[in-house]
Amino acid sequence: MSTPAPPELPPSQRPPNGRETYNAVTDIVGGPNVRLKDNLFQGGAILVCLLLGAGIGACWTSSWPGSIIIGAFGGLLVGLFGSGIFLMIFRAVRHQQGRHD
C-alpha cells in the first residue's frame, strides 16, 4: 500500500527557495540586485532622465556647449537616485505583503 502524497502548501506557507532568500537579504540588508526587471527599469529611467537633462541643458544656454554635459549629468543623478528610491519603496511594500520574488 502506498502512502498518499503530502498536500502542497500555499505559497505563503512554504519555505523560501534560495533565490527568494537571496532577494530578501539583498533588499533588506544590501547587495547587488539580480532581478532583470528591476535592472531594466532602472536603466531605462536613468536613460530617460539623462536625455531630459541634456535637453534642458541645451535649452538653458546655447552659447556654452558644457551646459549639455552638466544637464546630462544632473539628469543621470536624478534618474539614478529617483529610480533607486522608487525600487526601494516598491520592494519594501512587496516584502511587507510576503512576496519575495
N, C-alpha and C. Protein backbone atom coordinates (compact mmCIF):
# COMPACT_ATOMS: atom_id res chain seq x y z
N MET A 1 0.84 -1.16 0.00
CA MET A 1 0.00 0.00 0.00
C MET A 1 0.89 1.24 0.00
N SER A 2 0.61 2.18 -0.88
CA SER A 2 1.43 3.39 -0.98
C SER A 2 0.85 4.49 -0.09
N THR A 3 1.75 5.33 0.37
CA THR A 3 1.30 6.45 1.21
C THR A 3 0.91 7.62 0.30
N PRO A 4 -0.12 8.33 0.69
CA PRO A 4 -0.55 9.46 -0.15
C PRO A 4 0.48 10.59 -0.08
N ALA A 5 0.57 11.32 -1.15
CA ALA A 5 1.49 12.46 -1.21
C ALA A 5 1.00 13.55 -0.27
N PRO A 6 1.93 14.23 0.41
CA PRO A 6 1.50 15.31 1.31
C PRO A 6 0.87 16.43 0.49
N PRO A 7 -0.10 17.12 1.08
CA PRO A 7 -0.73 18.22 0.33
C PRO A 7 0.28 19.35 0.08
N GLU A 8 0.14 19.98 -1.06
CA GLU A 8 1.04 21.07 -1.40
C GLU A 8 0.66 22.32 -0.60
N LEU A 9 1.67 22.96 -0.04
CA LEU A 9 1.43 24.15 0.78
C LEU A 9 1.18 25.36 -0.11
N PRO A 10 0.34 26.29 0.34
CA PRO A 10 0.19 27.54 -0.42
C PRO A 10 1.49 28.33 -0.37
N PRO A 11 1.68 29.23 -1.34
CA PRO A 11 2.96 29.98 -1.40
C PRO A 11 3.31 30.72 -0.12
N SER A 12 2.34 31.18 0.63
CA SER A 12 2.65 31.95 1.84
C SER A 12 3.15 31.06 2.97
N GLN A 13 2.93 29.73 2.90
CA GLN A 13 3.33 28.85 3.99
C GLN A 13 4.51 27.96 3.65
N ARG A 14 4.94 27.94 2.40
CA ARG A 14 6.06 27.08 2.04
C ARG A 14 7.37 27.80 2.36
N PRO A 15 8.42 27.05 2.66
CA PRO A 15 9.71 27.70 2.95
C PRO A 15 10.28 28.35 1.69
N PRO A 16 10.98 29.47 1.84
CA PRO A 16 11.53 30.16 0.66
C PRO A 16 12.65 29.35 0.01
N ASN A 17 12.74 29.47 -1.31
CA ASN A 17 13.84 28.80 -2.00
C ASN A 17 15.07 29.71 -1.95
N GLY A 18 16.16 29.28 -2.56
CA GLY A 18 17.42 30.04 -2.49
C GLY A 18 17.32 31.42 -3.12
N ARG A 19 16.65 31.53 -4.25
CA ARG A 19 16.52 32.82 -4.94
C ARG A 19 15.70 33.80 -4.10
N GLU A 20 14.60 33.34 -3.51
CA GLU A 20 13.78 34.21 -2.67
C GLU A 20 14.55 34.68 -1.44
N THR A 21 15.34 33.79 -0.86
CA THR A 21 16.15 34.16 0.30
C THR A 21 17.19 35.20 -0.09
N TYR A 22 17.86 34.99 -1.23
CA TYR A 22 18.87 35.95 -1.70
C TYR A 22 18.23 37.31 -1.96
N ASN A 23 17.07 37.32 -2.63
CA ASN A 23 16.39 38.58 -2.92
C ASN A 23 15.99 39.30 -1.64
N ALA A 24 15.51 38.56 -0.66
CA ALA A 24 15.11 39.18 0.61
C ALA A 24 16.31 39.79 1.32
N VAL A 25 17.42 39.08 1.34
CA VAL A 25 18.62 39.59 2.02
C VAL A 25 19.16 40.82 1.30
N THR A 26 19.25 40.78 -0.03
CA THR A 26 19.80 41.93 -0.74
C THR A 26 18.86 43.13 -0.69
N ASP A 27 17.57 42.91 -0.59
CA ASP A 27 16.63 44.02 -0.48
C ASP A 27 16.65 44.64 0.91
N ILE A 28 16.81 43.83 1.94
CA ILE A 28 16.73 44.33 3.31
C ILE A 28 18.09 44.80 3.81
N VAL A 29 19.12 43.98 3.63
CA VAL A 29 20.44 44.28 4.17
C VAL A 29 21.28 45.07 3.17
N GLY A 30 21.28 44.65 1.94
CA GLY A 30 22.07 45.31 0.91
C GLY A 30 22.79 44.29 0.05
N GLY A 31 23.18 44.72 -1.11
CA GLY A 31 23.89 43.84 -2.02
C GLY A 31 23.39 44.07 -3.44
N PRO A 32 24.01 43.38 -4.40
CA PRO A 32 23.62 43.58 -5.80
C PRO A 32 22.25 42.98 -6.10
N ASN A 33 21.46 43.73 -6.82
CA ASN A 33 20.14 43.27 -7.24
C ASN A 33 20.29 42.52 -8.56
N VAL A 34 19.83 41.28 -8.62
CA VAL A 34 19.97 40.48 -9.84
C VAL A 34 18.64 40.29 -10.56
N ARG A 35 17.62 41.04 -10.17
CA ARG A 35 16.33 40.94 -10.86
C ARG A 35 16.43 41.69 -12.19
N LEU A 36 16.17 40.98 -13.29
CA LEU A 36 16.29 41.57 -14.61
C LEU A 36 15.31 42.73 -14.79
N LYS A 37 14.07 42.57 -14.33
CA LYS A 37 13.07 43.63 -14.49
C LYS A 37 13.47 44.90 -13.75
N ASP A 38 13.99 44.75 -12.54
CA ASP A 38 14.42 45.91 -11.76
C ASP A 38 15.58 46.63 -12.46
N ASN A 39 16.52 45.86 -12.97
CA ASN A 39 17.69 46.46 -13.62
C ASN A 39 17.31 47.14 -14.93
N LEU A 40 16.40 46.52 -15.70
CA LEU A 40 15.93 47.16 -16.94
C LEU A 40 15.16 48.43 -16.64
N PHE A 41 14.31 48.40 -15.59
CA PHE A 41 13.57 49.60 -15.20
C PHE A 41 14.53 50.72 -14.82
N GLN A 42 15.51 50.41 -14.00
CA GLN A 42 16.43 51.44 -13.53
C GLN A 42 17.28 51.98 -14.68
N GLY A 43 17.72 51.10 -15.57
CA GLY A 43 18.50 51.56 -16.72
C GLY A 43 17.67 52.46 -17.63
N GLY A 44 16.41 52.09 -17.87
CA GLY A 44 15.54 52.92 -18.70
C GLY A 44 15.26 54.27 -18.06
N ALA A 45 15.01 54.27 -16.75
CA ALA A 45 14.74 55.53 -16.05
C ALA A 45 15.96 56.45 -16.09
N ILE A 46 17.13 55.89 -15.92
CA ILE A 46 18.36 56.69 -15.97
C ILE A 46 18.56 57.27 -17.37
N LEU A 47 18.32 56.46 -18.40
CA LEU A 47 18.49 56.94 -19.77
C LEU A 47 17.52 58.07 -20.10
N VAL A 48 16.26 57.90 -19.71
CA VAL A 48 15.26 58.94 -19.98
C VAL A 48 15.63 60.24 -19.25
N CYS A 49 16.00 60.13 -17.98
CA CYS A 49 16.35 61.33 -17.22
C CYS A 49 17.63 61.98 -17.76
N LEU A 50 18.59 61.17 -18.19
CA LEU A 50 19.81 61.71 -18.78
C LEU A 50 19.49 62.51 -20.04
N LEU A 51 18.64 61.95 -20.91
CA LEU A 51 18.28 62.66 -22.14
C LEU A 51 17.47 63.93 -21.85
N LEU A 52 16.56 63.85 -20.87
CA LEU A 52 15.81 65.04 -20.48
C LEU A 52 16.74 66.11 -19.92
N GLY A 53 17.68 65.71 -19.09
CA GLY A 53 18.64 66.66 -18.53
C GLY A 53 19.50 67.29 -19.60
N ALA A 54 19.93 66.50 -20.59
CA ALA A 54 20.73 67.05 -21.69
C ALA A 54 19.90 68.03 -22.51
N GLY A 55 18.63 67.70 -22.72
CA GLY A 55 17.75 68.61 -23.46
C GLY A 55 17.52 69.91 -22.72
N ILE A 56 17.32 69.81 -21.42
CA ILE A 56 17.14 71.02 -20.62
C ILE A 56 18.42 71.85 -20.62
N GLY A 57 19.57 71.18 -20.52
CA GLY A 57 20.85 71.88 -20.57
C GLY A 57 21.06 72.57 -21.91
N ALA A 58 20.63 71.92 -23.00
CA ALA A 58 20.78 72.53 -24.32
C ALA A 58 19.88 73.75 -24.48
N CYS A 59 18.69 73.71 -23.88
CA CYS A 59 17.77 74.84 -23.97
C CYS A 59 18.16 75.98 -23.03
N TRP A 60 18.90 75.64 -22.00
CA TRP A 60 19.25 76.63 -21.00
C TRP A 60 20.12 77.72 -21.60
N THR A 61 21.18 77.33 -22.23
CA THR A 61 22.04 78.30 -22.91
C THR A 61 22.68 77.62 -24.11
N SER A 62 22.63 78.27 -25.23
CA SER A 62 23.22 77.68 -26.42
C SER A 62 24.63 78.21 -26.68
N SER A 63 25.08 79.16 -25.89
CA SER A 63 26.40 79.73 -26.13
C SER A 63 27.52 78.89 -25.53
N TRP A 64 27.19 78.02 -24.59
CA TRP A 64 28.22 77.22 -23.94
C TRP A 64 27.85 75.74 -24.07
N PRO A 65 28.62 74.93 -24.82
CA PRO A 65 28.25 73.52 -25.01
C PRO A 65 28.38 72.67 -23.75
N GLY A 66 29.07 73.17 -22.75
CA GLY A 66 29.19 72.43 -21.50
C GLY A 66 27.88 72.31 -20.74
N SER A 67 26.91 73.17 -21.06
CA SER A 67 25.62 73.10 -20.37
C SER A 67 24.90 71.79 -20.68
N ILE A 68 25.13 71.24 -21.86
CA ILE A 68 24.53 69.95 -22.20
C ILE A 68 25.11 68.86 -21.32
N ILE A 69 26.41 68.90 -21.10
CA ILE A 69 27.07 67.90 -20.26
C ILE A 69 26.61 68.03 -18.81
N ILE A 70 26.52 69.25 -18.32
CA ILE A 70 26.07 69.47 -16.94
C ILE A 70 24.62 69.01 -16.79
N GLY A 71 23.77 69.34 -17.76
CA GLY A 71 22.38 68.90 -17.71
C GLY A 71 22.25 67.39 -17.76
N ALA A 72 23.05 66.74 -18.62
CA ALA A 72 23.03 65.28 -18.72
C ALA A 72 23.48 64.64 -17.41
N PHE A 73 24.52 65.20 -16.79
CA PHE A 73 25.00 64.66 -15.51
C PHE A 73 23.94 64.82 -14.42
N GLY A 74 23.29 65.98 -14.40
CA GLY A 74 22.20 66.19 -13.43
C GLY A 74 21.06 65.21 -13.67
N GLY A 75 20.70 65.00 -14.93
CA GLY A 75 19.65 64.04 -15.24
C GLY A 75 20.03 62.62 -14.86
N LEU A 76 21.31 62.29 -15.05
CA LEU A 76 21.79 60.97 -14.65
C LEU A 76 21.62 60.76 -13.14
N LEU A 77 22.00 61.77 -12.37
CA LEU A 77 21.87 61.66 -10.91
C LEU A 77 20.40 61.56 -10.47
N VAL A 78 19.55 62.39 -11.08
CA VAL A 78 18.12 62.34 -10.75
C VAL A 78 17.55 60.97 -11.09
N GLY A 79 17.90 60.44 -12.26
CA GLY A 79 17.41 59.12 -12.66
C GLY A 79 17.92 58.01 -11.76
N LEU A 80 19.19 58.08 -11.39
CA LEU A 80 19.78 57.05 -10.54
C LEU A 80 19.12 57.03 -9.16
N PHE A 81 19.08 58.19 -8.51
CA PHE A 81 18.52 58.24 -7.16
C PHE A 81 17.00 58.08 -7.16
N GLY A 82 16.34 58.68 -8.14
CA GLY A 82 14.88 58.57 -8.20
C GLY A 82 14.42 57.14 -8.42
N SER A 83 15.03 56.44 -9.38
CA SER A 83 14.62 55.06 -9.63
C SER A 83 15.04 54.15 -8.48
N GLY A 84 16.18 54.43 -7.86
CA GLY A 84 16.61 53.63 -6.72
C GLY A 84 15.68 53.77 -5.53
N ILE A 85 15.24 54.99 -5.26
CA ILE A 85 14.31 55.21 -4.15
C ILE A 85 12.96 54.56 -4.46
N PHE A 86 12.50 54.67 -5.72
CA PHE A 86 11.25 54.02 -6.10
C PHE A 86 11.35 52.51 -5.90
N LEU A 87 12.43 51.88 -6.38
CA LEU A 87 12.57 50.43 -6.23
C LEU A 87 12.69 50.03 -4.77
N MET A 88 13.35 50.86 -3.96
CA MET A 88 13.46 50.56 -2.54
C MET A 88 12.09 50.52 -1.88
N ILE A 89 11.26 51.51 -2.16
CA ILE A 89 9.92 51.55 -1.58
C ILE A 89 9.05 50.42 -2.14
N PHE A 90 9.14 50.19 -3.45
CA PHE A 90 8.35 49.13 -4.09
C PHE A 90 8.69 47.77 -3.50
N ARG A 91 9.97 47.48 -3.35
CA ARG A 91 10.37 46.18 -2.79
C ARG A 91 10.02 46.06 -1.32
N ALA A 92 10.06 47.15 -0.57
CA ALA A 92 9.66 47.10 0.85
C ALA A 92 8.18 46.76 0.97
N VAL A 93 7.36 47.36 0.11
CA VAL A 93 5.93 47.05 0.14
C VAL A 93 5.70 45.60 -0.24
N ARG A 94 6.41 45.10 -1.26
CA ARG A 94 6.26 43.71 -1.68
C ARG A 94 6.69 42.75 -0.57
N HIS A 95 7.76 43.07 0.16
CA HIS A 95 8.17 42.22 1.26
C HIS A 95 7.16 42.25 2.39
N GLN A 96 6.57 43.41 2.61
CA GLN A 96 5.55 43.52 3.66
C GLN A 96 4.34 42.64 3.32
N GLN A 97 4.05 42.50 2.02
CA GLN A 97 2.95 41.65 1.58
C GLN A 97 3.33 40.18 1.54
N GLY A 98 4.60 39.86 1.77
CA GLY A 98 5.05 38.47 1.78
C GLY A 98 5.48 37.97 0.42
N ARG A 99 5.65 38.85 -0.55
CA ARG A 99 6.09 38.46 -1.89
C ARG A 99 7.57 38.78 -2.05
N HIS A 100 8.39 37.76 -2.12
CA HIS A 100 9.84 37.94 -2.19
C HIS A 100 10.36 37.47 -3.55
N ASP A 101 9.65 37.79 -4.61
CA ASP A 101 10.03 37.29 -5.94
C ASP A 101 11.29 37.90 -6.45
